[in-house]
Amino acid sequence: SSSSTGRVRPSASLPGWGIIFEVCTDPESNLGIAAEEYNKVKLIRITKDFDWDDSESVNQVIDMARNNPGASAHGSIPCTDWTSWQNINIAKHGLPYLKELIKRRKVSIRQLKNFIRLAEVILDQGGEVSFEWPSSCSGWRIPELITFISKYNLYTVTVDGCALGMTN
């Protein structure tokens, strides 16, 4: 079946189907734990030990994705520098804190751009992507993210963890 954009949903017959690149994740992520329950799912965890800010490292992952059409990617770039708590930290600690926050946000934006590079390869080859940040995260206003979402006609889903039984 095809969507209103004319994009055909990926087929399980694509060679990369069942491969998931989980970007900026914890070594014991819930997605990884769930993936272990399925024999046909291969999760490739990209943790903080892997420098997602390094172009050469990112290019290696992108090459793996190119060699596996139909693979999926999930982005879990840290949202800490984009939370509303940062407004309180700026008010409390002033200009020196803001200057450091701006530096950290530049790194976060580079990581986001690298995820988008990977995601575009995945989508162009029939795969699927997802990305998570809290709905209140100011990072959703990053122009490159807005452009990416718009370019691929992606949509947002707000999940209330409490409604799904999450407790932390």
Protein backbone atom coordinates (compact mmCIF):
# COMPACT_ATOMS: atom_id res chain seq x y z
CA SER A 1 0.00 0.00 0.00
CA SER A 2 1.13 3.57 -0.46
CA SER A 3 0.66 6.69 1.61
CA SER A 4 -0.62 10.07 0.46
CA THR A 5 2.99 10.96 -0.44
CA GLY A 6 3.21 8.03 -2.84
CA ARG A 7 5.89 6.34 -0.75
CA VAL A 8 5.44 2.58 -0.67
CA ARG A 9 5.80 0.88 2.69
CA PRO A 10 8.90 -1.27 2.88
CA SER A 11 8.70 -4.93 2.19
CA ALA A 12 9.98 -7.69 4.42
CA SER A 13 11.76 -8.96 1.32
CA LEU A 14 14.33 -6.14 1.40
CA PRO A 15 17.74 -7.45 2.56
CA GLY A 16 18.02 -5.02 5.49
CA TRP A 17 14.56 -5.70 6.86
CA GLY A 18 14.86 -6.50 10.57
CA ILE A 19 18.05 -4.46 11.08
CA ILE A 20 17.61 -1.49 13.41
CA PHE A 21 20.24 1.17 14.00
CA GLU A 22 19.57 2.64 17.44
CA VAL A 23 21.48 5.93 17.59
CA CYS A 24 22.69 7.50 20.87
CA THR A 25 21.27 4.83 23.06
CA ASP A 26 22.00 3.12 26.32
CA PRO A 27 23.79 -0.26 26.18
CA GLU A 28 20.72 -1.79 27.87
CA SER A 29 17.97 0.12 26.05
CA ASN A 30 14.37 -1.06 26.21
CA LEU A 31 14.29 -1.31 22.41
CA GLY A 32 17.29 -3.63 22.56
CA ILE A 33 15.72 -5.75 25.26
CA ALA A 34 12.51 -6.05 23.23
CA ALA A 35 14.46 -6.84 20.04
CA GLU A 36 16.08 -9.83 21.75
CA GLU A 37 12.65 -11.49 21.82
CA TYR A 38 12.57 -11.72 18.01
CA ASN A 39 14.95 -13.93 16.02
CA LYS A 40 14.72 -11.85 12.85
CA VAL A 41 15.61 -8.52 14.48
CA LYS A 42 19.22 -7.40 14.60
CA LEU A 43 19.76 -4.29 16.71
CA ILE A 44 22.89 -2.24 16.16
CA ARG A 45 23.29 -0.06 19.25
CA ILE A 46 25.24 3.14 18.83
CA THR A 47 26.08 4.17 22.39
CA LYS A 48 28.07 7.05 23.88
CA ASP A 49 31.21 4.92 23.43
CA PHE A 50 30.75 5.50 19.69
CA ASP A 51 31.40 9.15 18.77
CA TRP A 52 28.21 10.17 16.93
CA ASP A 53 29.75 13.63 16.49
CA ASP A 54 32.61 12.23 14.36
CA SER A 55 31.97 12.27 10.59
CA GLU A 56 34.15 9.23 9.88
CA SER A 57 32.32 7.12 12.47
CA VAL A 58 28.94 8.27 11.18
CA ASN A 59 29.97 7.50 7.60
CA GLN A 60 30.73 3.90 8.64
CA VAL A 61 27.18 3.51 9.96
CA ILE A 62 25.74 5.15 6.84
CA ASP A 63 27.73 2.73 4.66
CA MET A 64 26.26 -0.17 6.67
CA ALA A 65 22.78 1.27 6.06
CA ARG A 66 23.46 1.64 2.31
CA ASN A 67 24.41 -2.03 2.22
CA ASN A 68 21.15 -2.99 3.96
CA PRO A 69 18.16 -1.50 2.11
CA GLY A 70 15.02 -1.75 4.20
CA ALA A 71 16.80 -1.29 7.54
CA SER A 72 15.35 1.01 10.18
CA ALA A 73 16.82 3.69 12.44
CA HIS A 74 15.74 5.07 15.79
CA GLY A 75 17.28 8.29 17.12
CA SER A 76 17.60 8.86 20.82
CA ILE A 77 19.91 11.89 20.94
CA PRO A 78 20.08 13.24 24.51
CA CYS A 79 17.50 15.96 25.12
CA THR A 80 19.05 17.33 28.32
CA ASP A 81 20.32 20.53 26.71
CA TRP A 82 16.89 21.24 25.22
CA THR A 83 14.65 20.78 28.26
CA SER A 84 12.72 23.60 29.89
CA TRP A 85 14.96 23.14 32.96
CA GLN A 86 17.66 24.92 30.99
CA ASN A 87 15.69 28.16 31.35
CA ILE A 88 15.93 27.81 35.13
CA ASN A 89 19.65 26.99 34.91
CA ILE A 90 20.26 30.08 32.75
CA ALA A 91 18.36 32.29 35.20
CA LYS A 92 20.20 30.78 38.16
CA HIS A 93 23.75 30.66 36.72
CA GLY A 94 23.71 33.51 34.20
CA LEU A 95 25.82 34.21 31.15
CA PRO A 96 28.68 31.75 31.86
CA TYR A 97 26.14 28.91 31.98
CA LEU A 98 24.41 30.11 28.81
CA LYS A 99 27.74 30.17 26.93
CA GLU A 100 28.45 26.56 27.92
CA LEU A 101 24.88 25.53 27.05
CA ILE A 102 25.27 27.05 23.58
CA LYS A 103 28.45 24.97 23.06
CA ARG A 104 26.65 21.79 24.16
CA ARG A 105 23.69 22.57 21.91
CA LYS A 106 26.04 22.94 18.92
CA VAL A 107 27.26 19.39 19.57
CA SER A 108 23.66 18.20 19.89
CA ILE A 109 22.74 19.85 16.58
CA ARG A 110 25.70 18.15 14.85
CA GLN A 111 24.55 14.82 16.27
CA LEU A 112 21.03 15.53 15.05
CA LYS A 113 22.32 16.41 11.57
CA ASN A 114 24.27 13.14 11.53
CA PHE A 115 21.13 11.22 12.47
CA ILE A 116 19.25 12.99 9.68
CA ARG A 117 21.98 11.97 7.20
CA LEU A 118 21.52 8.34 8.27
CA ALA A 119 17.73 8.63 8.30
CA GLU A 120 17.62 9.99 4.75
CA VAL A 121 19.64 7.02 3.47
CA ILE A 122 17.34 4.63 5.34
CA LEU A 123 14.15 6.28 4.05
CA ASP A 124 15.41 6.54 0.47
CA GLN A 125 16.05 2.79 0.52
CA GLY A 126 12.60 1.78 1.76
CA GLY A 127 13.34 1.69 5.49
CA GLU A 128 11.66 3.44 8.39
CA VAL A 129 12.86 5.94 10.98
CA SER A 130 11.74 7.16 14.37
CA PHE A 131 13.12 9.79 16.69
CA GLU A 132 12.32 10.49 20.32
CA TRP A 133 12.35 13.60 22.43
CA PRO A 134 9.81 14.78 25.01
CA SER A 135 7.08 16.93 23.45
CA SER A 136 8.18 19.88 25.61
CA CYS A 137 11.74 19.73 24.29
CA SER A 138 12.78 22.98 22.57
CA GLY A 139 14.97 20.92 20.22
CA TRP A 140 11.88 20.23 18.12
CA ARG A 141 12.28 23.82 16.87
CA ILE A 142 15.73 23.18 15.35
CA PRO A 143 15.32 24.26 11.70
CA GLU A 144 17.11 21.18 10.29
CA LEU A 145 14.74 18.87 12.17
CA ILE A 146 11.68 20.79 10.99
CA THR A 147 12.97 20.67 7.39
CA PHE A 148 13.63 16.92 7.63
CA ILE A 149 10.17 16.18 9.05
CA SER A 150 8.56 18.30 6.37
CA LYS A 151 10.66 16.93 3.49
CA TYR A 152 9.66 13.34 4.23
CA ASN A 153 6.12 14.16 5.34
CA LEU A 154 6.78 12.53 8.70
CA TYR A 155 4.42 12.84 11.62
CA THR A 156 4.69 13.15 15.36
CA VAL A 157 3.16 10.92 17.96
CA THR A 158 2.83 11.97 21.55
CA VAL A 159 3.06 9.04 23.92
CA ASP A 160 2.02 9.36 27.54
CA GLY A 161 4.21 6.79 29.27
CA CYS A 162 1.97 6.71 32.33
CA ALA A 163 -0.93 5.63 30.13
CA LEU A 164 1.23 2.72 29.00
CA GLY A 165 2.16 1.65 32.51
CA MET A 166 5.60 3.29 32.69
CA THR A 167 6.70 4.29 36.16
CA ASN A 168 10.11 5.94 35.54
